[in-house]
Amino acid sequence: MSQIENHWGEVTQIENEMKRHLMALGIDWHDDAAMKKLATECKAFGPTQANAAYASHDREAKAKAELFALASLMLRTMENAAGENRDVHAGEVWKAFGKHLY
């Protein structure tokens, strides 16, 4: 199955969705402090917070829950690519966010 995977395409799609969510949240990915704050929230975000976000009518909470799910998907996609010895890199949005997750 790995022969048909397109890690570059997946990473690009995930990053485009992350851009949309950041714009919806009014967060500029060039703002290092805002990205650091968001990554800190992401690291503490779990299933309980996700369930609460989706059960609420809070659009911001839902957008963050989706953004954090996208971050998890990005990490998994990049891990899979690395496991197959494929060199895959994301763009500026992921780099601005991802650097604060470690």
N, C-alpha and C. Protein backbone atom coordinates (compact mmCIF):
# COMPACT_ATOMS: atom_id res chain seq x y z
N MET A 1 0.81 -1.20 0.00
CA MET A 1 0.00 0.00 0.00
C MET A 1 0.86 1.26 0.00
N SER A 2 2.05 1.19 0.57
CA SER A 2 2.87 2.38 0.67
C SER A 2 3.27 2.94 -0.69
N GLN A 3 3.22 2.09 -1.73
CA GLN A 3 3.58 2.57 -3.05
C GLN A 3 2.59 3.61 -3.58
N ILE A 4 1.36 3.59 -3.08
CA ILE A 4 0.37 4.54 -3.59
C ILE A 4 0.20 5.76 -2.69
N GLU A 5 0.87 5.76 -1.55
CA GLU A 5 0.74 6.91 -0.66
C GLU A 5 1.47 8.11 -1.24
N ASN A 6 0.87 9.24 -1.09
CA ASN A 6 1.46 10.49 -1.56
C ASN A 6 1.67 11.39 -0.35
N HIS A 7 2.76 11.19 0.35
CA HIS A 7 2.99 11.96 1.58
C HIS A 7 3.08 13.45 1.31
N TRP A 8 3.73 13.83 0.21
CA TRP A 8 3.84 15.26 -0.11
C TRP A 8 2.46 15.87 -0.29
N GLY A 9 1.59 15.19 -1.01
CA GLY A 9 0.23 15.68 -1.24
C GLY A 9 -0.56 15.78 0.05
N GLU A 10 -0.42 14.76 0.90
CA GLU A 10 -1.12 14.75 2.18
C GLU A 10 -0.66 15.91 3.07
N VAL A 11 0.65 16.09 3.14
CA VAL A 11 1.20 17.17 3.96
C VAL A 11 0.70 18.53 3.46
N THR A 12 0.66 18.70 2.16
CA THR A 12 0.17 19.96 1.58
C THR A 12 -1.29 20.19 1.92
N GLN A 13 -2.11 19.15 1.80
CA GLN A 13 -3.53 19.29 2.12
C GLN A 13 -3.74 19.60 3.60
N ILE A 14 -3.02 18.92 4.45
CA ILE A 14 -3.15 19.16 5.89
C ILE A 14 -2.75 20.59 6.21
N GLU A 15 -1.65 21.04 5.63
CA GLU A 15 -1.20 22.41 5.91
C GLU A 15 -2.20 23.45 5.39
N ASN A 16 -2.78 23.21 4.24
CA ASN A 16 -3.80 24.14 3.73
C ASN A 16 -4.99 24.23 4.67
N GLU A 17 -5.39 23.09 5.22
CA GLU A 17 -6.50 23.10 6.19
C GLU A 17 -6.09 23.82 7.47
N MET A 18 -4.85 23.64 7.87
CA MET A 18 -4.37 24.36 9.06
C MET A 18 -4.41 25.86 8.82
N LYS A 19 -4.04 26.31 7.63
CA LYS A 19 -4.09 27.73 7.29
C LYS A 19 -5.52 28.25 7.42
N ARG A 20 -6.46 27.50 6.88
CA ARG A 20 -7.87 27.92 6.94
C ARG A 20 -8.35 28.05 8.38
N HIS A 21 -7.97 27.09 9.21
CA HIS A 21 -8.39 27.14 10.61
C HIS A 21 -7.73 28.31 11.34
N LEU A 22 -6.47 28.55 11.07
CA LEU A 22 -5.80 29.69 11.70
C LEU A 22 -6.44 31.01 11.28
N MET A 23 -6.78 31.11 10.01
CA MET A 23 -7.45 32.33 9.54
C MET A 23 -8.81 32.49 10.21
N ALA A 24 -9.54 31.39 10.34
CA ALA A 24 -10.86 31.45 10.99
C ALA A 24 -10.73 31.86 12.45
N LEU A 25 -9.62 31.48 13.07
CA LEU A 25 -9.38 31.86 14.46
C LEU A 25 -8.77 33.25 14.59
N GLY A 26 -8.42 33.86 13.47
CA GLY A 26 -7.80 35.18 13.50
C GLY A 26 -6.37 35.16 14.00
N ILE A 27 -5.68 34.04 13.78
CA ILE A 27 -4.31 33.89 14.25
C ILE A 27 -3.36 33.96 13.06
N ASP A 28 -2.38 34.84 13.17
CA ASP A 28 -1.36 35.01 12.13
C ASP A 28 -0.20 34.07 12.43
N TRP A 29 0.09 33.16 11.52
CA TRP A 29 1.15 32.18 11.76
C TRP A 29 2.53 32.82 11.78
N HIS A 30 2.64 34.08 11.44
CA HIS A 30 3.92 34.79 11.55
C HIS A 30 4.13 35.34 12.97
N ASP A 31 3.08 35.30 13.79
CA ASP A 31 3.13 35.79 15.17
C ASP A 31 3.63 34.66 16.06
N ASP A 32 4.91 34.70 16.38
CA ASP A 32 5.54 33.61 17.12
C ASP A 32 4.90 33.40 18.48
N ALA A 33 4.56 34.47 19.17
CA ALA A 33 3.95 34.35 20.51
C ALA A 33 2.58 33.68 20.42
N ALA A 34 1.81 34.03 19.42
CA ALA A 34 0.48 33.43 19.24
C ALA A 34 0.61 31.95 18.90
N MET A 35 1.58 31.60 18.07
CA MET A 35 1.77 30.20 17.70
C MET A 35 2.27 29.39 18.90
N LYS A 36 3.11 29.99 19.71
CA LYS A 36 3.60 29.30 20.91
C LYS A 36 2.45 29.05 21.88
N LYS A 37 1.59 30.03 22.04
CA LYS A 37 0.42 29.88 22.93
C LYS A 37 -0.50 28.78 22.41
N LEU A 38 -0.74 28.78 21.11
CA LEU A 38 -1.61 27.78 20.50
C LEU A 38 -1.01 26.38 20.65
N ALA A 39 0.28 26.23 20.45
CA ALA A 39 0.94 24.93 20.60
C ALA A 39 0.88 24.45 22.05
N THR A 40 0.98 25.37 22.98
CA THR A 40 0.87 25.01 24.40
C THR A 40 -0.53 24.47 24.68
N GLU A 41 -1.55 25.12 24.12
CA GLU A 41 -2.93 24.63 24.25
C GLU A 41 -3.06 23.24 23.62
N CYS A 42 -2.45 23.06 22.48
CA CYS A 42 -2.53 21.80 21.76
C CYS A 42 -1.95 20.65 22.59
N LYS A 43 -0.83 20.90 23.25
CA LYS A 43 -0.18 19.86 24.03
C LYS A 43 -1.03 19.41 25.22
N ALA A 44 -1.87 20.31 25.73
CA ALA A 44 -2.72 19.99 26.87
C ALA A 44 -4.11 19.51 26.46
N PHE A 45 -4.38 19.52 25.16
CA PHE A 45 -5.70 19.20 24.63
C PHE A 45 -5.87 17.69 24.49
N GLY A 46 -6.94 17.19 25.03
CA GLY A 46 -7.17 15.75 24.98
C GLY A 46 -8.60 15.43 24.59
N PRO A 47 -8.97 14.16 24.68
CA PRO A 47 -10.31 13.73 24.29
C PRO A 47 -11.43 14.43 25.05
N THR A 48 -11.23 14.70 26.32
CA THR A 48 -12.27 15.38 27.10
C THR A 48 -12.54 16.77 26.55
N GLN A 49 -11.47 17.51 26.24
CA GLN A 49 -11.63 18.85 25.68
C GLN A 49 -12.23 18.79 24.28
N ALA A 50 -11.84 17.80 23.50
CA ALA A 50 -12.39 17.64 22.15
C ALA A 50 -13.89 17.36 22.21
N ASN A 51 -14.29 16.45 23.08
CA ASN A 51 -15.71 16.14 23.22
C ASN A 51 -16.51 17.36 23.66
N ALA A 52 -15.95 18.13 24.59
CA ALA A 52 -16.62 19.35 25.05
C ALA A 52 -16.73 20.37 23.93
N ALA A 53 -15.69 20.50 23.13
CA ALA A 53 -15.70 21.47 22.02
C ALA A 53 -16.77 21.11 21.01
N TYR A 54 -16.86 19.83 20.66
CA TYR A 54 -17.83 19.41 19.65
C TYR A 54 -19.26 19.42 20.18
N ALA A 55 -19.42 19.29 21.49
CA ALA A 55 -20.76 19.32 22.10
C ALA A 55 -21.27 20.75 22.28
N SER A 56 -20.37 21.71 22.20
CA SER A 56 -20.74 23.11 22.42
C SER A 56 -21.15 23.79 21.11
N HIS A 57 -21.59 25.02 21.26
CA HIS A 57 -21.89 25.85 20.09
C HIS A 57 -20.79 26.88 19.86
N ASP A 58 -19.65 26.62 20.46
CA ASP A 58 -18.51 27.54 20.42
C ASP A 58 -17.68 27.25 19.16
N ARG A 59 -17.79 28.13 18.18
CA ARG A 59 -17.06 27.93 16.91
C ARG A 59 -15.56 27.96 17.10
N GLU A 60 -15.09 28.82 17.99
CA GLU A 60 -13.64 28.89 18.23
C GLU A 60 -13.13 27.59 18.83
N ALA A 61 -13.86 27.04 19.79
CA ALA A 61 -13.45 25.78 20.40
C ALA A 61 -13.43 24.65 19.38
N LYS A 62 -14.42 24.62 18.50
CA LYS A 62 -14.47 23.59 17.46
C LYS A 62 -13.32 23.76 16.46
N ALA A 63 -13.04 25.01 16.10
CA ALA A 63 -11.94 25.27 15.15
C ALA A 63 -10.61 24.84 15.76
N LYS A 64 -10.42 25.10 17.05
CA LYS A 64 -9.17 24.67 17.70
C LYS A 64 -9.10 23.15 17.78
N ALA A 65 -10.21 22.51 18.10
CA ALA A 65 -10.22 21.05 18.17
C ALA A 65 -9.85 20.46 16.82
N GLU A 66 -10.37 21.02 15.75
CA GLU A 66 -10.04 20.54 14.40
C GLU A 66 -8.59 20.84 14.05
N LEU A 67 -8.12 22.01 14.43
CA LEU A 67 -6.72 22.37 14.17
C LEU A 67 -5.78 21.42 14.89
N PHE A 68 -6.09 21.09 16.13
CA PHE A 68 -5.24 20.19 16.89
C PHE A 68 -5.29 18.77 16.33
N ALA A 69 -6.43 18.37 15.81
CA ALA A 69 -6.54 17.06 15.15
C ALA A 69 -5.69 17.06 13.87
N LEU A 70 -5.68 18.18 13.16
CA LEU A 70 -4.85 18.29 11.96
C LEU A 70 -3.37 18.21 12.32
N ALA A 71 -2.99 18.81 13.44
CA ALA A 71 -1.59 18.74 13.89
C ALA A 71 -1.21 17.29 14.18
N SER A 72 -2.10 16.56 14.81
CA SER A 72 -1.85 15.15 15.09
C SER A 72 -1.72 14.35 13.79
N LEU A 73 -2.59 14.64 12.85
CA LEU A 73 -2.53 13.97 11.55
C LEU A 73 -1.23 14.30 10.81
N MET A 74 -0.79 15.54 10.91
CA MET A 74 0.47 15.95 10.28
C MET A 74 1.63 15.17 10.88
N LEU A 75 1.66 15.07 12.19
CA LEU A 75 2.74 14.33 12.84
C LEU A 75 2.75 12.87 12.40
N ARG A 76 1.58 12.26 12.35
CA ARG A 76 1.48 10.87 11.93
C ARG A 76 1.91 10.69 10.47
N THR A 77 1.50 11.60 9.62
CA THR A 77 1.86 11.52 8.20
C THR A 77 3.36 11.64 8.02
N MET A 78 3.97 12.57 8.74
CA MET A 78 5.41 12.75 8.63
C MET A 78 6.17 11.56 9.23
N GLU A 79 5.64 10.98 10.30
CA GLU A 79 6.27 9.79 10.88
C GLU A 79 6.20 8.63 9.89
N ASN A 80 5.05 8.46 9.25
CA ASN A 80 4.90 7.38 8.27
C ASN A 80 5.88 7.56 7.11
N ALA A 81 6.01 8.78 6.65
CA ALA A 81 6.94 9.05 5.55
C ALA A 81 8.37 8.74 5.98
N ALA A 82 8.73 9.16 7.17
CA ALA A 82 10.08 8.90 7.67
C ALA A 82 10.32 7.40 7.82
N GLY A 83 9.29 6.68 8.26
CA GLY A 83 9.40 5.24 8.40
C GLY A 83 9.62 4.53 7.08
N GLU A 84 9.25 5.18 6.00
CA GLU A 84 9.45 4.63 4.66
C GLU A 84 10.64 5.28 3.96
N ASN A 85 11.48 5.97 4.75
CA ASN A 85 12.67 6.65 4.24
C ASN A 85 12.34 7.68 3.17
N ARG A 86 11.22 8.34 3.35
CA ARG A 86 10.85 9.42 2.42
C ARG A 86 11.08 10.76 3.11
N ASP A 87 11.70 11.65 2.40
CA ASP A 87 12.01 12.97 2.92
C ASP A 87 10.86 13.91 2.60
N VAL A 88 10.04 14.20 3.62
CA VAL A 88 8.86 15.04 3.43
C VAL A 88 8.94 16.22 4.39
N HIS A 89 8.70 17.39 3.87
CA HIS A 89 8.72 18.60 4.69
C HIS A 89 7.44 19.38 4.47
N ALA A 90 6.97 20.01 5.52
CA ALA A 90 5.80 20.88 5.40
C ALA A 90 6.28 22.32 5.19
N GLY A 91 5.34 23.21 5.03
CA GLY A 91 5.66 24.60 4.75
C GLY A 91 5.74 25.48 5.98
N GLU A 92 5.63 26.76 5.74
CA GLU A 92 5.85 27.75 6.79
C GLU A 92 4.83 27.68 7.92
N VAL A 93 3.60 27.32 7.63
CA VAL A 93 2.58 27.26 8.68
C VAL A 93 2.91 26.14 9.66
N TRP A 94 3.21 24.97 9.13
CA TRP A 94 3.54 23.86 10.02
C TRP A 94 4.82 24.17 10.80
N LYS A 95 5.81 24.73 10.15
CA LYS A 95 7.06 25.05 10.83
C LYS A 95 6.84 26.05 11.95
N ALA A 96 5.97 27.03 11.72
CA ALA A 96 5.68 28.05 12.73
C ALA A 96 4.97 27.43 13.94
N PHE A 97 4.14 26.43 13.68
CA PHE A 97 3.38 25.78 14.76
C PHE A 97 4.16 24.63 15.36
N GLY A 98 4.67 23.76 14.50
CA GLY A 98 5.33 22.55 14.94
C GLY A 98 6.56 22.77 15.82
N LYS A 99 7.29 23.84 15.57
CA LYS A 99 8.50 24.05 16.36
C LYS A 99 8.20 24.25 17.84
N HIS A 100 6.96 24.64 18.15
CA HIS A 100 6.60 24.84 19.56
C HIS A 100 5.98 23.59 20.19
N LEU A 101 5.81 22.55 19.40
CA LEU A 101 5.25 21.31 19.96
C LEU A 101 6.30 20.43 20.59
N TYR A 102 7.56 20.72 20.33
CA TYR A 102 8.64 19.86 20.84
C TYR A 102 9.32 20.46 22.03
